Amino acid sequence: MIRHIDSVDTYKEIVGKHPEVLVDFFATWCGPCKMLHPVLETVSDKLEGKVVVAQCDIDKNPEIAGAFKVQSVPTLVFFKEGKPVLATAGYMDENGLMKFIEAAQAK
C-alpha cells in the first residue's frame, strides 16, 4: 500500500516513525511519474512490513519538495531512521527500483 504525504505533519509521521521509507516526489502532469506508479505499487506490496512506500505531490507540497531540492520528477528519496541516504531521478522499472532500494539499505 502506498501512503500519501499531503502535509508536513504527514511527512513527519511517515518518515519519522518508520525505519525505512521510500518517498516518490511526483506531479500529476508528469508522464514518467504515471508510468512509475504501478511499479511503486508492486514494490510496495513486495516489501510490505519492511519498507514503507510513500508519494508526495510536488505541486501540492512545494515546501516538502523544496526541502529536498527536488529539481525534476519523479525523484525518489530513500530514508533510513528519518534521514535521506540515497536519491535518484527518473523512471525505472521494477528491477531497477529494487536495486536502488537494496543500495540504499546498504548505506
PDB file of N, CA and C in Angstrom:
ATOM      1  N   MET A   1       0.844  -1.176   0.000  1.00  0.00           N
ATOM      2  CA  MET A   1       0.000   0.000   0.000  1.00  0.00           C
ATOM      3  C   MET A   1       0.896   1.248   0.000  1.00  0.00           C
ATOM      4  N   ILE A   2       0.619   2.129  -0.902  1.00  0.00           N
ATOM      5  CA  ILE A   2       1.365   3.374  -0.980  1.00  0.00           C
ATOM      6  C   ILE A   2       0.697   4.399  -0.067  1.00  0.00           C
ATOM      7  N   ARG A   3       1.494   5.026   0.776  1.00  0.00           N
ATOM      8  CA  ARG A   3       0.974   6.081   1.648  1.00  0.00           C
ATOM      9  C   ARG A   3       1.091   7.412   0.919  1.00  0.00           C
ATOM     10  N   HIS A   4       0.268   8.358   1.298  1.00  0.00           N
ATOM     11  CA  HIS A   4       0.286   9.667   0.642  1.00  0.00           C
ATOM     12  C   HIS A   4       0.670  10.753   1.631  1.00  0.00           C
ATOM     13  N   ILE A   5       1.692  11.494   1.256  1.00  0.00           N
ATOM     14  CA  ILE A   5       2.147  12.616   2.073  1.00  0.00           C
ATOM     15  C   ILE A   5       1.421  13.854   1.560  1.00  0.00           C
ATOM     16  N   ASP A   6       0.542  14.404   2.395  1.00  0.00           N
ATOM     17  CA  ASP A   6      -0.237  15.562   1.953  1.00  0.00           C
ATOM     18  C   ASP A   6      -0.026  16.788   2.835  1.00  0.00           C
ATOM     19  N   SER A   7       0.945  16.682   3.757  1.00  0.00           N
ATOM     20  CA  SER A   7       1.260  17.826   4.614  1.00  0.00           C
ATOM     21  C   SER A   7       2.602  17.562   5.295  1.00  0.00           C
ATOM     22  N   VAL A   8       3.170  18.592   5.884  1.00  0.00           N
ATOM     23  CA  VAL A   8       4.418  18.424   6.636  1.00  0.00           C
ATOM     24  C   VAL A   8       4.195  17.452   7.796  1.00  0.00           C
ATOM     25  N   ASP A   9       3.029  17.531   8.429  1.00  0.00           N
ATOM     26  CA  ASP A   9       2.729  16.623   9.540  1.00  0.00           C
ATOM     27  C   ASP A   9       2.695  15.167   9.078  1.00  0.00           C
ATOM     28  N   THR A  10       2.059  14.905   7.937  1.00  0.00           N
ATOM     29  CA  THR A  10       2.002  13.542   7.405  1.00  0.00           C
ATOM     30  C   THR A  10       3.409  13.059   7.057  1.00  0.00           C
ATOM     31  N   TYR A  11       4.209  13.953   6.475  1.00  0.00           N
ATOM     32  CA  TYR A  11       5.601  13.616   6.156  1.00  0.00           C
ATOM     33  C   TYR A  11       6.339  13.193   7.425  1.00  0.00           C
ATOM     34  N   LYS A  12       6.240  13.999   8.465  1.00  0.00           N
ATOM     35  CA  LYS A  12       6.934  13.696   9.722  1.00  0.00           C
ATOM     36  C   LYS A  12       6.437  12.379  10.316  1.00  0.00           C
ATOM     37  N   GLU A  13       5.142  12.151  10.220  1.00  0.00           N
ATOM     38  CA  GLU A  13       4.556  10.923  10.768  1.00  0.00           C
ATOM     39  C   GLU A  13       5.083   9.694  10.034  1.00  0.00           C
ATOM     40  N   ILE A  14       5.101   9.746   8.699  1.00  0.00           N
ATOM     41  CA  ILE A  14       5.524   8.583   7.909  1.00  0.00           C
ATOM     42  C   ILE A  14       7.037   8.379   7.994  1.00  0.00           C
ATOM     43  N   VAL A  15       7.801   9.415   7.685  1.00  0.00           N
ATOM     44  CA  VAL A  15       9.258   9.278   7.633  1.00  0.00           C
ATOM     45  C   VAL A  15       9.852   9.144   9.041  1.00  0.00           C
ATOM     46  N   GLY A  16       9.254   9.813  10.009  1.00  0.00           N
ATOM     47  CA  GLY A  16       9.790   9.784  11.359  1.00  0.00           C
ATOM     48  C   GLY A  16       9.498   8.524  12.144  1.00  0.00           C
ATOM     49  N   LYS A  17       8.440   7.805  11.789  1.00  0.00           N
ATOM     50  CA  LYS A  17       8.023   6.658  12.593  1.00  0.00           C
ATOM     51  C   LYS A  17       8.373   5.300  11.995  1.00  0.00           C
ATOM     52  N   HIS A  18       8.963   5.301  10.803  1.00  0.00           N
ATOM     53  CA  HIS A  18       9.297   4.029  10.161  1.00  0.00           C
ATOM     54  C   HIS A  18      10.795   3.999   9.868  1.00  0.00           C
ATOM     55  N   PRO A  19      11.450   2.851  10.095  1.00  0.00           N
ATOM     56  CA  PRO A  19      12.899   2.792   9.918  1.00  0.00           C
ATOM     57  C   PRO A  19      13.355   2.988   8.470  1.00  0.00           C
ATOM     58  N   GLU A  20      12.584   2.489   7.502  1.00  0.00           N
ATOM     59  CA  GLU A  20      12.962   2.623   6.090  1.00  0.00           C
ATOM     60  C   GLU A  20      11.752   3.085   5.283  1.00  0.00           C
ATOM     61  N   VAL A  21      11.935   4.207   4.579  1.00  0.00           N
ATOM     62  CA  VAL A  21      10.840   4.795   3.800  1.00  0.00           C
ATOM     63  C   VAL A  21      11.372   5.242   2.447  1.00  0.00           C
ATOM     64  N   LEU A  22      10.651   4.880   1.388  1.00  0.00           N
ATOM     65  CA  LEU A  22      10.940   5.351   0.037  1.00  0.00           C
ATOM     66  C   LEU A  22       9.879   6.380  -0.315  1.00  0.00           C
ATOM     67  N   VAL A  23      10.308   7.612  -0.612  1.00  0.00           N
ATOM     68  CA  VAL A  23       9.366   8.664  -0.981  1.00  0.00           C
ATOM     69  C   VAL A  23       9.538   8.990  -2.457  1.00  0.00           C
ATOM     70  N   ASP A  24       8.420   8.947  -3.174  1.00  0.00           N
ATOM     71  CA  ASP A  24       8.366   9.321  -4.587  1.00  0.00           C
ATOM     72  C   ASP A  24       7.807  10.732  -4.674  1.00  0.00           C
ATOM     73  N   PHE A  25       8.643  11.683  -5.087  1.00  0.00           N
ATOM     74  CA  PHE A  25       8.179  13.046  -5.343  1.00  0.00           C
ATOM     75  C   PHE A  25       7.718  13.078  -6.794  1.00  0.00           C
ATOM     76  N   PHE A  26       6.424  13.367  -7.010  1.00  0.00           N
ATOM     77  CA  PHE A  26       5.834  13.273  -8.344  1.00  0.00           C
ATOM     78  C   PHE A  26       4.950  14.473  -8.635  1.00  0.00           C
ATOM     79  N   ALA A  27       4.484  14.524  -9.882  1.00  0.00           N
ATOM     80  CA  ALA A  27       3.492  15.524 -10.286  1.00  0.00           C
ATOM     81  C   ALA A  27       2.441  14.821 -11.129  1.00  0.00           C
ATOM     82  N   THR A  28       1.195  15.248 -11.006  1.00  0.00           N
ATOM     83  CA  THR A  28       0.096  14.589 -11.724  1.00  0.00           C
ATOM     84  C   THR A  28       0.225  14.739 -13.242  1.00  0.00           C
ATOM     85  N   TRP A  29       0.906  15.786 -13.702  1.00  0.00           N
ATOM     86  CA  TRP A  29       1.054  16.053 -15.130  1.00  0.00           C
ATOM     87  C   TRP A  29       2.271  15.350 -15.751  1.00  0.00           C
ATOM     88  N   CYS A  30       3.026  14.613 -14.941  1.00  0.00           N
ATOM     89  CA  CYS A  30       4.297  14.010 -15.376  1.00  0.00           C
ATOM     90  C   CYS A  30       4.093  12.599 -15.931  1.00  0.00           C
ATOM     91  N   GLY A  31       4.424  12.404 -17.205  1.00  0.00           N
ATOM     92  CA  GLY A  31       4.279  11.096 -17.852  1.00  0.00           C
ATOM     93  C   GLY A  31       5.090   9.999 -17.183  1.00  0.00           C
ATOM     94  N   PRO A  32       6.408  10.196 -16.980  1.00  0.00           N
ATOM     95  CA  PRO A  32       7.198   9.152 -16.311  1.00  0.00           C
ATOM     96  C   PRO A  32       6.691   8.838 -14.896  1.00  0.00           C
ATOM     97  N   CYS A  33       6.119   9.836 -14.217  1.00  0.00           N
ATOM     98  CA  CYS A  33       5.551   9.600 -12.876  1.00  0.00           C
ATOM     99  C   CYS A  33       4.381   8.630 -12.969  1.00  0.00           C
ATOM    100  N   LYS A  34       3.546   8.830 -13.990  1.00  0.00           N
ATOM    101  CA  LYS A  34       2.391   7.938 -14.182  1.00  0.00           C
ATOM    102  C   LYS A  34       2.855   6.520 -14.488  1.00  0.00           C
ATOM    103  N   MET A  35       3.944   6.400 -15.265  1.00  0.00           N
ATOM    104  CA  MET A  35       4.485   5.074 -15.596  1.00  0.00           C
ATOM    105  C   MET A  35       5.081   4.408 -14.360  1.00  0.00           C
ATOM    106  N   LEU A  36       5.643   5.203 -13.454  1.00  0.00           N
ATOM    107  CA  LEU A  36       6.292   4.671 -12.260  1.00  0.00           C
ATOM    108  C   LEU A  36       5.286   4.174 -11.220  1.00  0.00           C
ATOM    109  N   HIS A  37       4.089   4.742 -11.207  1.00  0.00           N
ATOM    110  CA  HIS A  37       3.112   4.420 -10.161  1.00  0.00           C
ATOM    111  C   HIS A  37       2.840   2.912 -10.024  1.00  0.00           C
ATOM    112  N   PRO A  38       2.529   2.177 -11.115  1.00  0.00           N
ATOM    113  CA  PRO A  38       2.285   0.731 -10.929  1.00  0.00           C
ATOM    114  C   PRO A  38       3.524  -0.028 -10.448  1.00  0.00           C
ATOM    115  N   VAL A  39       4.708   0.442 -10.821  1.00  0.00           N
ATOM    116  CA  VAL A  39       5.944  -0.171 -10.337  1.00  0.00           C
ATOM    117  C   VAL A  39       6.043   0.020  -8.825  1.00  0.00           C
ATOM    118  N   LEU A  40       5.734   1.233  -8.361  1.00  0.00           N
ATOM    119  CA  LEU A  40       5.753   1.508  -6.920  1.00  0.00           C
ATOM    120  C   LEU A  40       4.745   0.634  -6.179  1.00  0.00           C
ATOM    121  N   GLU A  41       3.565   0.439  -6.767  1.00  0.00           N
ATOM    122  CA  GLU A  41       2.549  -0.403  -6.122  1.00  0.00           C
ATOM    123  C   GLU A  41       3.055  -1.833  -5.960  1.00  0.00           C
ATOM    124  N   THR A  42       3.674  -2.371  -7.012  1.00  0.00           N
ATOM    125  CA  THR A  42       4.203  -3.733  -6.963  1.00  0.00           C
ATOM    126  C   THR A  42       5.295  -3.857  -5.912  1.00  0.00           C
ATOM    127  N   VAL A  43       6.237  -2.922  -5.920  1.00  0.00           N
ATOM    128  CA  VAL A  43       7.343  -2.945  -4.957  1.00  0.00           C
ATOM    129  C   VAL A  43       6.820  -2.757  -3.532  1.00  0.00           C
ATOM    130  N   SER A  44       5.841  -1.881  -3.369  1.00  0.00           N
ATOM    131  CA  SER A  44       5.242  -1.661  -2.051  1.00  0.00           C
ATOM    132  C   SER A  44       4.641  -2.959  -1.515  1.00  0.00           C
ATOM    133  N   ASP A  45       3.942  -3.698  -2.379  1.00  0.00           N
ATOM    134  CA  ASP A  45       3.353  -4.971  -1.961  1.00  0.00           C
ATOM    135  C   ASP A  45       4.437  -5.986  -1.586  1.00  0.00           C
ATOM    136  N   LYS A  46       5.503  -6.039  -2.402  1.00  0.00           N
ATOM    137  CA  LYS A  46       6.587  -6.992  -2.149  1.00  0.00           C
ATOM    138  C   LYS A  46       7.321  -6.693  -0.844  1.00  0.00           C
ATOM    139  N   LEU A  47       7.450  -5.427  -0.515  1.00  0.00           N
ATOM    140  CA  LEU A  47       8.225  -5.025   0.662  1.00  0.00           C
ATOM    141  C   LEU A  47       7.355  -4.661   1.863  1.00  0.00           C
ATOM    142  N   GLU A  48       6.083  -5.020   1.803  1.00  0.00           N
ATOM    143  CA  GLU A  48       5.147  -4.730   2.901  1.00  0.00           C
ATOM    144  C   GLU A  48       5.720  -5.214   4.227  1.00  0.00           C
ATOM    145  N   GLY A  49       5.713  -4.319   5.223  1.00  0.00           N
ATOM    146  CA  GLY A  49       6.235  -4.678   6.526  1.00  0.00           C
ATOM    147  C   GLY A  49       7.729  -4.428   6.672  1.00  0.00           C
ATOM    148  N   LYS A  50       8.414  -4.123   5.561  1.00  0.00           N
ATOM    149  CA  LYS A  50       9.857  -3.864   5.611  1.00  0.00           C
ATOM    150  C   LYS A  50      10.166  -2.420   5.247  1.00  0.00           C
ATOM    151  N   VAL A  51       9.651  -1.987   4.096  1.00  0.00           N
ATOM    152  CA  VAL A  51       9.892  -0.633   3.606  1.00  0.00           C
ATOM    153  C   VAL A  51       8.541   0.029   3.345  1.00  0.00           C
ATOM    154  N   VAL A  52       8.352   1.228   3.877  1.00  0.00           N
ATOM    155  CA  VAL A  52       7.135   1.991   3.607  1.00  0.00           C
ATOM    156  C   VAL A  52       7.366   2.789   2.329  1.00  0.00           C
ATOM    157  N   VAL A  53       6.416   2.703   1.401  1.00  0.00           N
ATOM    158  CA  VAL A  53       6.483   3.478   0.156  1.00  0.00           C
ATOM    159  C   VAL A  53       5.455   4.595   0.253  1.00  0.00           C
ATOM    160  N   ALA A  54       5.907   5.824  -0.015  1.00  0.00           N
ATOM    161  CA  ALA A  54       5.018   6.986   0.079  1.00  0.00           C
ATOM    162  C   ALA A  54       5.205   7.864  -1.152  1.00  0.00           C
ATOM    163  N   GLN A  55       4.173   8.642  -1.459  1.00  0.00           N
ATOM    164  CA  GLN A  55       4.239   9.584  -2.575  1.00  0.00           C
ATOM    165  C   GLN A  55       3.921  10.983  -2.072  1.00  0.00           C
ATOM    166  N   CYS A  56       4.608  11.965  -2.675  1.00  0.00           N
ATOM    167  CA  CYS A  56       4.407  13.360  -2.311  1.00  0.00           C
ATOM    168  C   CYS A  56       4.251  14.171  -3.597  1.00  0.00           C
ATOM    169  N   ASP A  57       3.076  14.768  -3.790  1.00  0.00           N
ATOM    170  CA  ASP A  57       2.793  15.600  -4.958  1.00  0.00           C
ATOM    171  C   ASP A  57       3.513  16.939  -4.785  1.00  0.00           C
ATOM    172  N   ILE A  58       4.471  17.229  -5.673  1.00  0.00           N
ATOM    173  CA  ILE A  58       5.283  18.441  -5.514  1.00  0.00           C
ATOM    174  C   ILE A  58       4.464  19.714  -5.698  1.00  0.00           C
ATOM    175  N   ASP A  59       3.388  19.653  -6.469  1.00  0.00           N
ATOM    176  CA  ASP A  59       2.564  20.843  -6.690  1.00  0.00           C
ATOM    177  C   ASP A  59       1.711  21.175  -5.467  1.00  0.00           C
ATOM    178  N   LYS A  60       1.313  20.151  -4.721  1.00  0.00           N
ATOM    179  CA  LYS A  60       0.506  20.368  -3.525  1.00  0.00           C
ATOM    180  C   LYS A  60       1.362  20.584  -2.280  1.00  0.00           C
ATOM    181  N   ASN A  61       2.626  20.153  -2.342  1.00  0.00           N
ATOM    182  CA  ASN A  61       3.532  20.242  -1.189  1.00  0.00           C
ATOM    183  C   ASN A  61       4.887  20.810  -1.588  1.00  0.00           C
ATOM    184  N   PRO A  62       4.915  22.029  -2.129  1.00  0.00           N
ATOM    185  CA  PRO A  62       6.191  22.581  -2.604  1.00  0.00           C
ATOM    186  C   PRO A  62       7.225  22.760  -1.493  1.00  0.00           C
ATOM    187  N   GLU A  63       6.761  22.983  -0.251  1.00  0.00           N
ATOM    188  CA  GLU A  63       7.713  23.176   0.841  1.00  0.00           C
ATOM    189  C   GLU A  63       8.485  21.897   1.146  1.00  0.00           C
ATOM    190  N   ILE A  64       7.819  20.747   1.031  1.00  0.00           N
ATOM    191  CA  ILE A  64       8.499  19.470   1.282  1.00  0.00           C
ATOM    192  C   ILE A  64       9.456  19.172   0.133  1.00  0.00           C
ATOM    193  N   ALA A  65       8.977  19.328  -1.098  1.00  0.00           N
ATOM    194  CA  ALA A  65       9.830  19.089  -2.267  1.00  0.00           C
ATOM    195  C   ALA A  65      11.037  20.025  -2.250  1.00  0.00           C
ATOM    196  N   GLY A  66      10.825  21.267  -1.861  1.00  0.00           N
ATOM    197  CA  GLY A  66      11.907  22.242  -1.791  1.00  0.00           C
ATOM    198  C   GLY A  66      12.947  21.878  -0.749  1.00  0.00           C
ATOM    199  N   ALA A  67      12.493  21.299   0.343  1.00  0.00           N
ATOM    200  CA  ALA A  67      13.415  20.921   1.412  1.00  0.00           C
ATOM    201  C   ALA A  67      14.415  19.868   0.941  1.00  0.00           C
ATOM    202  N   PHE A  68      14.025  19.075  -0.057  1.00  0.00           N
ATOM    203  CA  PHE A  68      14.906  18.032  -0.590  1.00  0.00           C
ATOM    204  C   PHE A  68      15.463  18.401  -1.960  1.00  0.00           C
ATOM    205  N   LYS A  69      15.307  19.688  -2.319  1.00  0.00           N
ATOM    206  CA  LYS A  69      15.854  20.228  -3.566  1.00  0.00           C
ATOM    207  C   LYS A  69      15.443  19.398  -4.786  1.00  0.00           C
ATOM    208  N   VAL A  70      14.164  19.016  -4.825  1.00  0.00           N
ATOM    209  CA  VAL A  70      13.644  18.258  -5.960  1.00  0.00           C
ATOM    210  C   VAL A  70      13.633  19.171  -7.181  1.00  0.00           C
ATOM    211  N   GLN A  71      14.417  18.795  -8.195  1.00  0.00           N
ATOM    212  CA  GLN A  71      14.550  19.590  -9.418  1.00  0.00           C
ATOM    213  C   GLN A  71      13.726  19.018 -10.565  1.00  0.00           C
ATOM    214  N   SER A  72      13.516  17.703 -10.540  1.00  0.00           N
ATOM    215  CA  SER A  72      12.766  17.054 -11.609  1.00  0.00           C
ATOM    216  C   SER A  72      11.923  15.938 -10.998  1.00  0.00           C
ATOM    217  N   VAL A  73      10.934  15.517 -11.745  1.00  0.00           N
ATOM    218  CA  VAL A  73      10.074  14.433 -11.276  1.00  0.00           C
ATOM    219  C   VAL A  73      10.056  13.316 -12.320  1.00  0.00           C
ATOM    220  N   PRO A  74       9.935  12.082 -11.883  1.00  0.00           N
ATOM    221  CA  PRO A  74       9.900  11.662 -10.481  1.00  0.00           C
ATOM    222  C   PRO A  74      11.289  11.693  -9.844  1.00  0.00           C
ATOM    223  N   THR A  75      11.319  12.045  -8.578  1.00  0.00           N
ATOM    224  CA  THR A  75      12.531  11.936  -7.761  1.00  0.00           C
ATOM    225  C   THR A  75      12.210  10.992  -6.609  1.00  0.00           C
ATOM    226  N   LEU A  76      13.081  10.015  -6.413  1.00  0.00           N
ATOM    227  CA  LEU A  76      12.906   9.040  -5.342  1.00  0.00           C
ATOM    228  C   LEU A  76      13.975   9.287  -4.284  1.00  0.00           C
ATOM    229  N   VAL A  77      13.543   9.371  -3.033  1.00  0.00           N
ATOM    230  CA  VAL A  77      14.466   9.557  -1.915  1.00  0.00           C
ATOM    231  C   VAL A  77      14.214   8.437  -0.907  1.00  0.00           C
ATOM    232  N   PHE A  78      15.292   7.749  -0.528  1.00  0.00           N
ATOM    233  CA  PHE A  78      15.183   6.668   0.443  1.00  0.00           C
ATOM    234  C   PHE A  78      15.664   7.184   1.796  1.00  0.00           C
ATOM    235  N   PHE A  79      14.848   6.995   2.824  1.00  0.00           N
ATOM    236  CA  PHE A  79      15.144   7.456   4.181  1.00  0.00           C
ATOM    237  C   PHE A  79      15.400   6.263   5.091  1.00  0.00           C
ATOM    238  N   LYS A  80      16.431   6.382   5.921  1.00  0.00           N
ATOM    239  CA  LYS A  80      16.685   5.415   6.990  1.00  0.00           C
ATOM    240  C   LYS A  80      16.699   6.194   8.290  1.00  0.00           C
ATOM    241  N   GLU A  81      15.880   5.752   9.228  1.00  0.00           N
ATOM    242  CA  GLU A  81      15.784   6.404  10.539  1.00  0.00           C
ATOM    243  C   GLU A  81      15.548   7.910  10.399  1.00  0.00           C
ATOM    244  N   GLY A  82      14.710   8.290   9.423  1.00  0.00           N
ATOM    245  CA  GLY A  82      14.330   9.688   9.250  1.00  0.00           C
ATOM    246  C   GLY A  82      15.290  10.541   8.451  1.00  0.00           C
ATOM    247  N   LYS A  83      16.417   9.968   8.014  1.00  0.00           N
ATOM    248  CA  LYS A  83      17.416  10.742   7.276  1.00  0.00           C
ATOM    249  C   LYS A  83      17.523  10.243   5.832  1.00  0.00           C
ATOM    250  N   PRO A  84      17.613  11.170   4.857  1.00  0.00           N
ATOM    251  CA  PRO A  84      17.772  10.738   3.466  1.00  0.00           C
ATOM    252  C   PRO A  84      19.165  10.135   3.258  1.00  0.00           C
ATOM    253  N   VAL A  85      19.222   8.941   2.658  1.00  0.00           N
ATOM    254  CA  VAL A  85      20.515   8.286   2.435  1.00  0.00           C
ATOM    255  C   VAL A  85      20.856   8.126   0.954  1.00  0.00           C
ATOM    256  N   LEU A  86      19.837   8.129   0.084  1.00  0.00           N
ATOM    257  CA  LEU A  86      20.091   7.964  -1.346  1.00  0.00           C
ATOM    258  C   LEU A  86      18.921   8.542  -2.126  1.00  0.00           C
ATOM    259  N   ALA A  87      19.239   9.179  -3.254  1.00  0.00           N
ATOM    260  CA  ALA A  87      18.190   9.761  -4.100  1.00  0.00           C
ATOM    261  C   ALA A  87      18.520   9.505  -5.565  1.00  0.00           C
ATOM    262  N   THR A  88      17.489   9.472  -6.380  1.00  0.00           N
ATOM    263  CA  THR A  88      17.648   9.322  -7.816  1.00  0.00           C
ATOM    264  C   THR A  88      16.455   9.982  -8.496  1.00  0.00           C
ATOM    265  N   ALA A  89      16.622  10.312  -9.762  1.00  0.00           N
ATOM    266  CA  ALA A  89      15.525  10.938 -10.511  1.00  0.00           C
ATOM    267  C   ALA A  89      15.270  10.144 -11.785  1.00  0.00           C
ATOM    268  N   GLY A  90      14.009  10.148 -12.207  1.00  0.00           N
ATOM    269  CA  GLY A  90      13.634   9.495 -13.455  1.00  0.00           C
ATOM    270  C   GLY A  90      12.925   8.175 -13.238  1.00  0.00           C
ATOM    271  N   TYR A  91      12.317   7.704 -14.315  1.00  0.00           N
ATOM    272  CA  TYR A  91      11.583   6.432 -14.289  1.00  0.00           C
ATOM    273  C   TYR A  91      12.560   5.270 -14.178  1.00  0.00           C
ATOM    274  N   MET A  92      12.150   4.224 -13.483  1.00  0.00           N
ATOM    275  CA  MET A  92      12.893   2.966 -13.503  1.00  0.00           C
ATOM    276  C   MET A  92      11.908   1.813 -13.401  1.00  0.00           C
ATOM    277  N   ASP A  93      12.304   0.683 -13.967  1.00  0.00           N
ATOM    278  CA  ASP A  93      11.440  -0.494 -13.908  1.00  0.00           C
ATOM    279  C   ASP A  93      11.578  -1.156 -12.529  1.00  0.00           C
ATOM    280  N   GLU A  94      10.819  -2.219 -12.332  1.00  0.00           N
ATOM    281  CA  GLU A  94      10.799  -2.875 -11.023  1.00  0.00           C
ATOM    282  C   GLU A  94      12.181  -3.366 -10.610  1.00  0.00           C
ATOM    283  N   ASN A  95      12.907  -3.966 -11.532  1.00  0.00           N
ATOM    284  CA  ASN A  95      14.244  -4.464 -11.236  1.00  0.00           C
ATOM    285  C   ASN A  95      15.170  -3.316 -10.821  1.00  0.00           C
ATOM    286  N   GLY A  96      15.119  -2.222 -11.559  1.00  0.00           N
ATOM    287  CA  GLY A  96      15.944  -1.062 -11.237  1.00  0.00           C
ATOM    288  C   GLY A  96      15.587  -0.470  -9.881  1.00  0.00           C
ATOM    289  N   LEU A  97      14.292  -0.419  -9.584  1.00  0.00           N
ATOM    290  CA  LEU A  97      13.843   0.137  -8.310  1.00  0.00           C
ATOM    291  C   LEU A  97      14.279  -0.754  -7.145  1.00  0.00           C
ATOM    292  N   MET A  98      14.184  -2.049  -7.321  1.00  0.00           N
ATOM    293  CA  MET A  98      14.616  -2.958  -6.258  1.00  0.00           C
ATOM    294  C   MET A  98      16.128  -2.811  -6.008  1.00  0.00           C
ATOM    295  N   LYS A  99      16.904  -2.638  -7.079  1.00  0.00           N
ATOM    296  CA  LYS A  99      18.352  -2.449  -6.928  1.00  0.00           C
ATOM    297  C   LYS A  99      18.645  -1.130  -6.211  1.00  0.00           C
ATOM    298  N   PHE A 100      17.889  -0.075  -6.537  1.00  0.00           N
ATOM    299  CA  PHE A 100      18.051   1.213  -5.868  1.00  0.00           C
ATOM    300  C   PHE A 100      17.774   1.060  -4.370  1.00  0.00           C
ATOM    301  N   ILE A 101      16.694   0.363  -4.021  1.00  0.00           N
ATOM    302  CA  ILE A 101      16.330   0.158  -2.611  1.00  0.00           C
ATOM    303  C   ILE A 101      17.412  -0.650  -1.893  1.00  0.00           C
ATOM    304  N   GLU A 102      17.900  -1.701  -2.540  1.00  0.00           N
ATOM    305  CA  GLU A 102      18.954  -2.526  -1.935  1.00  0.00           C
ATOM    306  C   GLU A 102      20.215  -1.687  -1.679  1.00  0.00           C
ATOM    307  N   ALA A 103      20.568  -0.833  -2.650  1.00  0.00           N
ATOM    308  CA  ALA A 103      21.742   0.023  -2.484  1.00  0.00           C
ATOM    309  C   ALA A 103      21.535   1.001  -1.323  1.00  0.00           C
ATOM    310  N   ALA A 104      20.323   1.535  -1.209  1.00  0.00           N
ATOM    311  CA  ALA A 104      20.023   2.478  -0.123  1.00  0.00           C
ATOM    312  C   ALA A 104      20.051   1.773   1.231  1.00  0.00           C
ATOM    313  N   GLN A 105      19.544   0.565   1.281  1.00  0.00           N
ATOM    314  CA  GLN A 105      19.527  -0.188   2.543  1.00  0.00           C
ATOM    315  C   GLN A 105      20.947  -0.514   3.011  1.00  0.00           C
ATOM    316  N   ALA A 106      21.869  -0.647   2.077  1.00  0.00           N
ATOM    317  CA  ALA A 106      23.259  -0.989   2.406  1.00  0.00           C
ATOM    318  C   ALA A 106      24.029   0.206   2.965  1.00  0.00           C
ATOM    319  N   LYS A 107      23.468   1.422   2.826  1.00  0.00           N
ATOM    320  CA  LYS A 107      24.170   2.624   3.305  1.00  0.00           C
ATOM    321  C   LYS A 107      24.019   2.791   4.811  1.00  0.00           C
TER     322      LYS A 107
END
